[in-house]
Amino acid sequence: MLLSAYLKTHQEIEAIRRSALLVSEVLARVAEAIRPGIPTAQLDQLAEETILSYGAKPAFKGYNGFPATLCISVNEAVVHGIPGKYEIREGDIVSVDCGVVWEGWYGDAAYTFIVQGAENKKMELCRTTLESLEKCINFAGPGKTIGDVGHFIQKYVESRGYSVVRELVGHGLGRQLHEPPEVPNFGQPGKGPVLREGLVIAIEPMVNQGKRFVKTLSDNWTVVTADGLPSAHYEHTVAITEKGLTPLSSFSPVEKAICQNPYLLPVYG
């Protein structure tokens, strides 16, 4: 696959960084607001108001007909959950995926929040999923392949007894929300497109506590685990630079907000 058409300049990467950091700010606002009893639709409204206040637009709303600003996926929901009347409960894990388009450039990130009362198995799932993302970012760099990225995540996750979803993958992004290449969370070392300086991708491990199989609900959006066991999802927008993989989104404001919210547990608590 020829990716030269999708390589970004330093200035373009900085523009994507601004969008990705706005996503981080939105996720932090959501982290401040999550509590038992709050409807997911209220979190979605907060996110949309925050994005619009910056003069940006939600990237997901209207995308292929998706009806909301956020994807909010709770417990066995893997991704693409539609916010609605569901009220957050003690013990839930809540994946929140957000995208924005700001001055023509897209940013995308996701974080799975752990609500007080969650059992250790859920916390360990979230911890492993986040670790797989963070360690993969440290591992990969120019000259590695998409197969190397996927293999690293798959090996790390499976070595701890979990499974990676195969029907859904990460992606390139820039002027479009989804650009080449696809970035699976599984693969063979040395296979696939080579990571080159200037490429911007979203790496987003989706990890199941049980088996890897998933199904889509009747709303034609929400993807859930086929066995009903929990799933976790974390995502960063990253740029390939001469120094390696550089995150453009940030979890720092999100994790700061988590520590200040008595209803949430930190992943690395």
C-alpha atoms as a PDB file:
ATOM      1  CA  MET A   1       0.000   0.000   0.000  1.00  0.00           C
ATOM      2  CA  LEU A   2       1.321   3.435  -0.970  1.00  0.00           C
ATOM      3  CA  LEU A   3       0.823   5.845   1.931  1.00  0.00           C
ATOM      4  CA  SER A   4       2.787   8.804   0.592  1.00  0.00           C
ATOM      5  CA  ALA A   5      -0.420  10.708  -0.186  1.00  0.00           C
ATOM      6  CA  TYR A   6      -1.348  10.563   3.492  1.00  0.00           C
ATOM      7  CA  LEU A   7       1.925  11.780   5.001  1.00  0.00           C
ATOM      8  CA  LYS A   8       1.602  15.048   6.919  1.00  0.00           C
ATOM      9  CA  THR A   9       3.942  17.988   7.307  1.00  0.00           C
ATOM     10  CA  HIS A  10       5.026  19.226  10.731  1.00  0.00           C
ATOM     11  CA  GLN A  11       2.466  22.030  10.498  1.00  0.00           C
ATOM     12  CA  GLU A  12      -0.304  19.601   9.591  1.00  0.00           C
ATOM     13  CA  ILE A  13       0.628  17.300  12.474  1.00  0.00           C
ATOM     14  CA  GLU A  14       0.423  20.261  14.841  1.00  0.00           C
ATOM     15  CA  ALA A  15      -3.057  21.052  13.495  1.00  0.00           C
ATOM     16  CA  ILE A  16      -4.117  17.455  14.166  1.00  0.00           C
ATOM     17  CA  ARG A  17      -2.568  17.719  17.632  1.00  0.00           C
ATOM     18  CA  ARG A  18      -4.850  20.692  18.437  1.00  0.00           C
ATOM     19  CA  SER A  19      -7.885  18.637  17.455  1.00  0.00           C
ATOM     20  CA  ALA A  20      -6.668  15.600  19.389  1.00  0.00           C
ATOM     21  CA  LEU A  21      -6.019  17.683  22.503  1.00  0.00           C
ATOM     22  CA  LEU A  22      -9.530  19.089  22.240  1.00  0.00           C
ATOM     23  CA  VAL A  23     -10.783  15.505  22.290  1.00  0.00           C
ATOM     24  CA  SER A  24      -8.709  14.990  25.438  1.00  0.00           C
ATOM     25  CA  GLU A  25     -10.352  18.036  27.004  1.00  0.00           C
ATOM     26  CA  VAL A  26     -13.791  16.663  26.146  1.00  0.00           C
ATOM     27  CA  LEU A  27     -12.942  13.307  27.708  1.00  0.00           C
ATOM     28  CA  ALA A  28     -11.746  15.141  30.824  1.00  0.00           C
ATOM     29  CA  ARG A  29     -15.074  16.994  31.055  1.00  0.00           C
ATOM     30  CA  VAL A  30     -16.872  13.661  30.773  1.00  0.00           C
ATOM     31  CA  ALA A  31     -14.612  12.258  33.513  1.00  0.00           C
ATOM     32  CA  GLU A  32     -15.661  15.115  35.787  1.00  0.00           C
ATOM     33  CA  ALA A  33     -19.342  14.411  35.178  1.00  0.00           C
ATOM     34  CA  ILE A  34     -19.618  10.609  35.322  1.00  0.00           C
ATOM     35  CA  ARG A  35     -21.462   9.356  38.388  1.00  0.00           C
ATOM     36  CA  PRO A  36     -24.027   6.663  39.164  1.00  0.00           C
ATOM     37  CA  GLY A  37     -27.445   7.763  37.956  1.00  0.00           C
ATOM     38  CA  ILE A  38     -26.352  10.076  35.159  1.00  0.00           C
ATOM     39  CA  PRO A  39     -27.912   9.214  31.774  1.00  0.00           C
ATOM     40  CA  THR A  40     -25.413   8.639  28.974  1.00  0.00           C
ATOM     41  CA  ALA A  41     -27.365  11.143  26.870  1.00  0.00           C
ATOM     42  CA  GLN A  42     -26.449  13.852  29.394  1.00  0.00           C
ATOM     43  CA  LEU A  43     -22.751  13.045  28.978  1.00  0.00           C
ATOM     44  CA  ASP A  44     -23.218  13.280  25.220  1.00  0.00           C
ATOM     45  CA  GLN A  45     -24.862  16.713  25.526  1.00  0.00           C
ATOM     46  CA  LEU A  46     -21.979  17.938  27.703  1.00  0.00           C
ATOM     47  CA  ALA A  47     -19.459  16.745  25.122  1.00  0.00           C
ATOM     48  CA  GLU A  48     -21.243  18.414  22.229  1.00  0.00           C
ATOM     49  CA  GLU A  49     -21.550  21.712  24.093  1.00  0.00           C
ATOM     50  CA  THR A  50     -17.830  21.614  24.913  1.00  0.00           C
ATOM     51  CA  ILE A  51     -16.815  20.940  21.311  1.00  0.00           C
ATOM     52  CA  LEU A  52     -19.050  23.649  19.898  1.00  0.00           C
ATOM     53  CA  SER A  53     -17.763  26.173  22.455  1.00  0.00           C
ATOM     54  CA  TYR A  54     -14.338  25.911  20.794  1.00  0.00           C
ATOM     55  CA  GLY A  55     -15.759  26.491  17.335  1.00  0.00           C
ATOM     56  CA  ALA A  56     -15.152  22.861  16.414  1.00  0.00           C
ATOM     57  CA  LYS A  57     -17.632  20.189  15.339  1.00  0.00           C
ATOM     58  CA  PRO A  58     -18.329  16.653  16.567  1.00  0.00           C
ATOM     59  CA  ALA A  59     -16.744  14.215  14.133  1.00  0.00           C
ATOM     60  CA  PHE A  60     -19.092  11.315  14.807  1.00  0.00           C
ATOM     61  CA  LYS A  61     -22.496  13.005  14.727  1.00  0.00           C
ATOM     62  CA  GLY A  62     -24.025  12.321  11.344  1.00  0.00           C
ATOM     63  CA  TYR A  63     -21.097  10.149  10.231  1.00  0.00           C
ATOM     64  CA  ASN A  64     -22.765   7.375   8.225  1.00  0.00           C
ATOM     65  CA  GLY A  65     -25.918   8.335  10.093  1.00  0.00           C
ATOM     66  CA  PHE A  66     -24.560   7.995  13.645  1.00  0.00           C
ATOM     67  CA  PRO A  67     -26.922  10.041  15.846  1.00  0.00           C
ATOM     68  CA  ALA A  68     -24.659  11.285  18.649  1.00  0.00           C
ATOM     69  CA  THR A  69     -21.446  13.135  19.504  1.00  0.00           C
ATOM     70  CA  LEU A  70     -19.942  10.348  21.614  1.00  0.00           C
ATOM     71  CA  CYS A  71     -19.856   6.594  21.371  1.00  0.00           C
ATOM     72  CA  ILE A  72     -20.589   5.386  24.914  1.00  0.00           C
ATOM     73  CA  SER A  73     -20.204   1.631  25.366  1.00  0.00           C
ATOM     74  CA  VAL A  74     -20.886   0.100  28.781  1.00  0.00           C
ATOM     75  CA  ASN A  75     -19.618  -3.245  30.127  1.00  0.00           C
ATOM     76  CA  GLU A  76     -20.154  -5.863  27.374  1.00  0.00           C
ATOM     77  CA  ALA A  77     -20.517  -3.166  24.713  1.00  0.00           C
ATOM     78  CA  VAL A  78     -17.243  -2.944  22.796  1.00  0.00           C
ATOM     79  CA  VAL A  79     -17.714   0.195  20.697  1.00  0.00           C
ATOM     80  CA  HIS A  80     -20.287   2.402  18.932  1.00  0.00           C
ATOM     81  CA  GLY A  81     -22.784   2.491  21.776  1.00  0.00           C
ATOM     82  CA  ILE A  82     -25.438   5.180  21.253  1.00  0.00           C
ATOM     83  CA  PRO A  83     -25.971   7.523  24.243  1.00  0.00           C
ATOM     84  CA  GLY A  84     -29.503   7.470  25.551  1.00  0.00           C
ATOM     85  CA  LYS A  85     -31.581   6.856  28.662  1.00  0.00           C
ATOM     86  CA  TYR A  86     -29.243   4.320  30.233  1.00  0.00           C
ATOM     87  CA  GLU A  87     -28.080   5.556  33.636  1.00  0.00           C
ATOM     88  CA  ILE A  88     -24.530   4.797  34.728  1.00  0.00           C
ATOM     89  CA  ARG A  89     -24.388   2.298  37.594  1.00  0.00           C
ATOM     90  CA  GLU A  90     -21.897   1.406  40.293  1.00  0.00           C
ATOM     91  CA  GLY A  91     -19.470  -1.202  38.992  1.00  0.00           C
ATOM     92  CA  ASP A  92     -19.811  -0.242  35.320  1.00  0.00           C
ATOM     93  CA  ILE A  93     -16.893   0.210  32.967  1.00  0.00           C
ATOM     94  CA  VAL A  94     -17.737   2.913  30.438  1.00  0.00           C
ATOM     95  CA  SER A  95     -15.873   3.322  27.157  1.00  0.00           C
ATOM     96  CA  VAL A  96     -16.191   6.856  25.798  1.00  0.00           C
ATOM     97  CA  ASP A  97     -14.966   7.438  22.237  1.00  0.00           C
ATOM     98  CA  CYS A  98     -14.836  11.013  20.927  1.00  0.00           C
ATOM     99  CA  GLY A  99     -13.817  12.642  17.677  1.00  0.00           C
ATOM    100  CA  VAL A 100     -13.729  16.278  16.584  1.00  0.00           C
ATOM    101  CA  VAL A 101     -13.002  18.174  13.415  1.00  0.00           C
ATOM    102  CA  TRP A 102     -11.392  21.563  14.032  1.00  0.00           C
ATOM    103  CA  GLU A 103     -10.210  23.841  11.270  1.00  0.00           C
ATOM    104  CA  GLY A 104     -10.462  20.933   8.837  1.00  0.00           C
ATOM    105  CA  TRP A 105      -8.414  18.418  10.836  1.00  0.00           C
ATOM    106  CA  TYR A 106      -9.641  15.420  12.790  1.00  0.00           C
ATOM    107  CA  GLY A 107      -8.705  14.168  16.251  1.00  0.00           C
ATOM    108  CA  ASP A 108      -9.866  10.904  17.820  1.00  0.00           C
ATOM    109  CA  ALA A 109      -9.359   9.240  21.214  1.00  0.00           C
ATOM    110  CA  ALA A 110     -11.147   6.938  23.639  1.00  0.00           C
ATOM    111  CA  TYR A 111     -10.949   6.074  27.321  1.00  0.00           C
ATOM    112  CA  THR A 112     -12.672   3.414  29.425  1.00  0.00           C
ATOM    113  CA  PHE A 113     -13.774   4.742  32.809  1.00  0.00           C
ATOM    114  CA  ILE A 114     -14.100   2.494  35.863  1.00  0.00           C
ATOM    115  CA  VAL A 115     -17.007   3.350  38.160  1.00  0.00           C
ATOM    116  CA  GLN A 116     -16.619   2.725  41.904  1.00  0.00           C
ATOM    117  CA  GLY A 117     -17.673  -0.776  42.843  1.00  0.00           C
ATOM    118  CA  ALA A 118     -16.219  -2.446  39.759  1.00  0.00           C
ATOM    119  CA  GLU A 119     -14.853  -5.910  40.432  1.00  0.00           C
ATOM    120  CA  ASN A 120     -11.149  -6.610  40.121  1.00  0.00           C
ATOM    121  CA  LYS A 121     -11.633  -8.565  36.891  1.00  0.00           C
ATOM    122  CA  LYS A 122     -12.946  -5.441  35.168  1.00  0.00           C
ATOM    123  CA  MET A 123     -10.116  -3.317  36.521  1.00  0.00           C
ATOM    124  CA  GLU A 124      -7.505  -5.822  35.364  1.00  0.00           C
ATOM    125  CA  LEU A 125      -9.096  -5.880  31.903  1.00  0.00           C
ATOM    126  CA  CYS A 126      -8.910  -2.098  31.653  1.00  0.00           C
ATOM    127  CA  ARG A 127      -5.349  -2.037  32.944  1.00  0.00           C
ATOM    128  CA  THR A 128      -4.164  -4.626  30.412  1.00  0.00           C
ATOM    129  CA  THR A 129      -5.883  -2.821  27.538  1.00  0.00           C
ATOM    130  CA  LEU A 130      -4.358   0.544  28.431  1.00  0.00           C
ATOM    131  CA  GLU A 131      -0.945  -1.029  28.972  1.00  0.00           C
ATOM    132  CA  SER A 132      -1.100  -2.661  25.541  1.00  0.00           C
ATOM    133  CA  LEU A 133      -1.649   0.754  23.966  1.00  0.00           C
ATOM    134  CA  GLU A 134       1.018   2.563  25.965  1.00  0.00           C
ATOM    135  CA  LYS A 135       3.642  -0.154  25.515  1.00  0.00           C
ATOM    136  CA  CYS A 136       2.905  -0.432  21.791  1.00  0.00           C
ATOM    137  CA  ILE A 137       3.475   3.313  21.371  1.00  0.00           C
ATOM    138  CA  ASN A 138       6.857   2.944  23.078  1.00  0.00           C
ATOM    139  CA  PHE A 139       7.720  -0.106  20.960  1.00  0.00           C
ATOM    140  CA  ALA A 140       6.826   1.099  17.475  1.00  0.00           C
ATOM    141  CA  GLY A 141       8.455   3.735  15.296  1.00  0.00           C
ATOM    142  CA  PRO A 142       9.668   4.457  11.769  1.00  0.00           C
ATOM    143  CA  GLY A 143      10.540   1.256   9.942  1.00  0.00           C
ATOM    144  CA  LYS A 144       8.140  -0.915  11.925  1.00  0.00           C
ATOM    145  CA  THR A 145       5.115  -2.244  10.073  1.00  0.00           C
ATOM    146  CA  ILE A 146       1.392  -2.240  10.736  1.00  0.00           C
ATOM    147  CA  GLY A 147       1.785  -5.985  11.310  1.00  0.00           C
ATOM    148  CA  ASP A 148       4.368  -5.277  14.013  1.00  0.00           C
ATOM    149  CA  VAL A 149       1.922  -2.958  15.784  1.00  0.00           C
ATOM    150  CA  GLY A 150      -0.945  -5.446  15.670  1.00  0.00           C
ATOM    151  CA  HIS A 151       1.244  -8.375  16.682  1.00  0.00           C
ATOM    152  CA  PHE A 152       2.617  -6.490  19.688  1.00  0.00           C
ATOM    153  CA  ILE A 153      -0.877  -5.685  20.999  1.00  0.00           C
ATOM    154  CA  GLN A 154      -2.189  -9.179  20.300  1.00  0.00           C
ATOM    155  CA  LYS A 155       0.746 -10.914  21.983  1.00  0.00           C
ATOM    156  CA  TYR A 156       0.594  -8.654  25.031  1.00  0.00           C
ATOM    157  CA  VAL A 157      -3.161  -9.064  25.486  1.00  0.00           C
ATOM    158  CA  GLU A 158      -3.332 -12.785  24.825  1.00  0.00           C
ATOM    159  CA  SER A 159      -0.389 -13.498  27.141  1.00  0.00           C
ATOM    160  CA  ARG A 160      -2.595 -12.195  29.946  1.00  0.00           C
ATOM    161  CA  GLY A 161      -5.564 -14.347  29.057  1.00  0.00           C
ATOM    162  CA  TYR A 162      -7.654 -11.825  27.128  1.00  0.00           C
ATOM    163  CA  SER A 163      -8.663 -11.615  23.468  1.00  0.00           C
ATOM    164  CA  VAL A 164      -8.546  -8.867  20.850  1.00  0.00           C
ATOM    165  CA  VAL A 165     -11.505  -7.985  18.644  1.00  0.00           C
ATOM    166  CA  ARG A 166     -10.742  -8.563  14.960  1.00  0.00           C
ATOM    167  CA  GLU A 167     -13.776  -7.105  13.221  1.00  0.00           C
ATOM    168  CA  LEU A 168     -12.876  -3.536  14.248  1.00  0.00           C
ATOM    169  CA  VAL A 169      -9.545  -1.782  13.763  1.00  0.00           C
ATOM    170  CA  GLY A 170      -7.670   1.489  14.167  1.00  0.00           C
ATOM    171  CA  HIS A 171      -7.068   3.772  11.218  1.00  0.00           C
ATOM    172  CA  GLY A 172      -5.218   6.660   9.686  1.00  0.00           C
ATOM    173  CA  LEU A 173      -6.698  10.122  10.061  1.00  0.00           C
ATOM    174  CA  GLY A 174      -6.127  13.710   9.009  1.00  0.00           C
ATOM    175  CA  ARG A 175      -8.449  15.599   6.688  1.00  0.00           C
ATOM    176  CA  GLN A 176     -10.763  12.600   6.984  1.00  0.00           C
ATOM    177  CA  LEU A 177     -11.828  10.715  10.084  1.00  0.00           C
ATOM    178  CA  HIS A 178     -10.817   7.418   8.491  1.00  0.00           C
ATOM    179  CA  GLU A 179      -7.850   7.280   6.127  1.00  0.00           C
ATOM    180  CA  PRO A 180      -5.486   4.471   5.145  1.00  0.00           C
ATOM    181  CA  PRO A 181      -3.988   2.444   6.625  1.00  0.00           C
ATOM    182  CA  GLU A 182      -6.184   0.200   8.720  1.00  0.00           C
ATOM    183  CA  VAL A 183      -4.480  -0.590  12.032  1.00  0.00           C
ATOM    184  CA  PRO A 184      -5.592  -4.006  13.359  1.00  0.00           C
ATOM    185  CA  ASN A 185      -4.877  -5.105  16.914  1.00  0.00           C
ATOM    186  CA  PHE A 186      -3.541  -8.415  15.612  1.00  0.00           C
ATOM    187  CA  GLY A 187      -1.108  -9.350  12.898  1.00  0.00           C
ATOM    188  CA  GLN A 188       2.167 -10.861  11.793  1.00  0.00           C
ATOM    189  CA  PRO A 189       5.543  -9.202  12.414  1.00  0.00           C
ATOM    190  CA  GLY A 190       7.019  -7.546   9.357  1.00  0.00           C
ATOM    191  CA  LYS A 191       3.788  -7.629   7.382  1.00  0.00           C
ATOM    192  CA  GLY A 192       1.743  -4.726   6.060  1.00  0.00           C
ATOM    193  CA  PRO A 193       2.593  -1.080   5.293  1.00  0.00           C
ATOM    194  CA  VAL A 194       5.761   0.376   6.793  1.00  0.00           C
ATOM    195  CA  LEU A 195       5.371   3.205   9.317  1.00  0.00           C
ATOM    196  CA  ARG A 196       6.896   6.348   7.801  1.00  0.00           C
ATOM    197  CA  GLU A 197       7.554   9.760   9.265  1.00  0.00           C
ATOM    198  CA  GLY A 198       4.539  12.000   8.744  1.00  0.00           C
ATOM    199  CA  LEU A 199       1.935   9.277   9.024  1.00  0.00           C
ATOM    200  CA  VAL A 200      -0.816   9.874  11.604  1.00  0.00           C
ATOM    201  CA  ILE A 201      -2.802   6.913  12.891  1.00  0.00           C
ATOM    202  CA  ALA A 202      -5.286   6.053  15.609  1.00  0.00           C
ATOM    203  CA  ILE A 203      -4.239   2.992  17.596  1.00  0.00           C
ATOM    204  CA  GLU A 204      -7.175   1.595  19.548  1.00  0.00           C
ATOM    205  CA  PRO A 205      -7.013  -1.819  21.205  1.00  0.00           C
ATOM    206  CA  MET A 206     -10.442  -3.325  21.854  1.00  0.00           C
ATOM    207  CA  VAL A 207      -9.968  -6.159  24.321  1.00  0.00           C
ATOM    208  CA  ASN A 208     -12.481  -8.706  25.595  1.00  0.00           C
ATOM    209  CA  GLN A 209     -12.401 -10.433  28.958  1.00  0.00           C
ATOM    210  CA  GLY A 210     -13.735 -13.576  27.300  1.00  0.00           C
ATOM    211  CA  LYS A 211     -13.615 -14.736  23.697  1.00  0.00           C
ATOM    212  CA  ARG A 212     -12.928 -12.355  20.812  1.00  0.00           C
ATOM    213  CA  PHE A 213     -16.254 -12.800  19.043  1.00  0.00           C
ATOM    214  CA  VAL A 214     -18.711  -9.905  18.772  1.00  0.00           C
ATOM    215  CA  LYS A 215     -22.141  -9.126  17.390  1.00  0.00           C
ATOM    216  CA  THR A 216     -24.037  -5.962  16.452  1.00  0.00           C
ATOM    217  CA  LEU A 217     -27.302  -5.069  18.197  1.00  0.00           C
ATOM    218  CA  SER A 218     -30.554  -4.216  16.441  1.00  0.00           C
ATOM    219  CA  ASP A 219     -29.730  -0.481  16.501  1.00  0.00           C
ATOM    220  CA  ASN A 220     -27.167  -1.380  13.782  1.00  0.00           C
ATOM    221  CA  TRP A 221     -24.409   0.406  15.708  1.00  0.00           C
ATOM    222  CA  THR A 222     -23.675  -1.027  19.140  1.00  0.00           C
ATOM    223  CA  VAL A 223     -21.116  -3.843  18.991  1.00  0.00           C
ATOM    224  CA  VAL A 224     -21.169  -6.175  22.000  1.00  0.00           C
ATOM    225  CA  THR A 225     -19.242  -9.271  23.036  1.00  0.00           C
ATOM    226  CA  ALA A 226     -20.950 -12.451  21.888  1.00  0.00           C
ATOM    227  CA  ASP A 227     -20.469 -14.088  25.304  1.00  0.00           C
ATOM    228  CA  GLY A 228     -21.728 -11.082  27.277  1.00  0.00           C
ATOM    229  CA  LEU A 229     -18.451 -10.565  29.148  1.00  0.00           C
ATOM    230  CA  PRO A 230     -16.942  -7.071  29.538  1.00  0.00           C
ATOM    231  CA  SER A 231     -14.769  -5.314  26.966  1.00  0.00           C
ATOM    232  CA  ALA A 232     -12.390  -2.338  27.275  1.00  0.00           C
ATOM    233  CA  HIS A 233     -11.251   0.211  24.697  1.00  0.00           C
ATOM    234  CA  TYR A 234      -8.536   2.870  24.716  1.00  0.00           C
ATOM    235  CA  GLU A 235      -7.384   4.999  21.786  1.00  0.00           C
ATOM    236  CA  HIS A 236      -4.701   7.563  21.016  1.00  0.00           C
ATOM    237  CA  THR A 237      -4.068   9.621  17.906  1.00  0.00           C
ATOM    238  CA  VAL A 238      -0.333   9.293  17.238  1.00  0.00           C
ATOM    239  CA  ALA A 239       2.144  10.664  14.695  1.00  0.00           C
ATOM    240  CA  ILE A 240       5.146   8.766  13.403  1.00  0.00           C
ATOM    241  CA  THR A 241       8.177  11.027  13.834  1.00  0.00           C
ATOM    242  CA  GLU A 242      11.931  10.530  13.764  1.00  0.00           C
ATOM    243  CA  LYS A 243      11.745   9.996  17.541  1.00  0.00           C
ATOM    244  CA  GLY A 244       9.175   7.206  17.291  1.00  0.00           C
ATOM    245  CA  LEU A 245       5.425   7.261  17.889  1.00  0.00           C
ATOM    246  CA  THR A 246       4.351  10.572  19.383  1.00  0.00           C
ATOM    247  CA  PRO A 247       0.882  10.747  20.984  1.00  0.00           C
ATOM    248  CA  LEU A 248      -1.072  13.788  19.798  1.00  0.00           C
ATOM    249  CA  SER A 249      -3.939  13.151  22.206  1.00  0.00           C
ATOM    250  CA  SER A 250      -3.279  13.089  25.943  1.00  0.00           C
ATOM    251  CA  PHE A 251      -4.744  11.142  28.837  1.00  0.00           C
ATOM    252  CA  SER A 252      -3.182  13.450  31.434  1.00  0.00           C
ATOM    253  CA  PRO A 253      -6.203  15.782  31.820  1.00  0.00           C
ATOM    254  CA  VAL A 254      -8.512  12.768  31.777  1.00  0.00           C
ATOM    255  CA  GLU A 255      -6.634  10.970  34.539  1.00  0.00           C
ATOM    256  CA  LYS A 256      -6.401  14.150  36.597  1.00  0.00           C
ATOM    257  CA  ALA A 257     -10.180  14.487  36.404  1.00  0.00           C
ATOM    258  CA  ILE A 258     -10.609  10.831  37.367  1.00  0.00           C
ATOM    259  CA  CYS A 259      -8.546  11.354  40.518  1.00  0.00           C
ATOM    260  CA  GLN A 260     -10.801  14.252  41.495  1.00  0.00           C
ATOM    261  CA  ASN A 261     -14.045  12.350  40.895  1.00  0.00           C
ATOM    262  CA  PRO A 262     -15.013  10.230  43.935  1.00  0.00           C
ATOM    263  CA  TYR A 263     -17.208   8.013  41.750  1.00  0.00           C
ATOM    264  CA  LEU A 264     -14.362   6.821  39.501  1.00  0.00           C
ATOM    265  CA  LEU A 265     -11.374   4.549  40.042  1.00  0.00           C
ATOM    266  CA  PRO A 266      -7.997   5.160  38.376  1.00  0.00           C
ATOM    267  CA  VAL A 267      -6.819   2.416  36.038  1.00  0.00           C
ATOM    268  CA  TYR A 268      -3.475   2.272  37.801  1.00  0.00           C
ATOM    269  CA  GLY A 269      -4.939   2.721  41.270  1.00  0.00           C
END
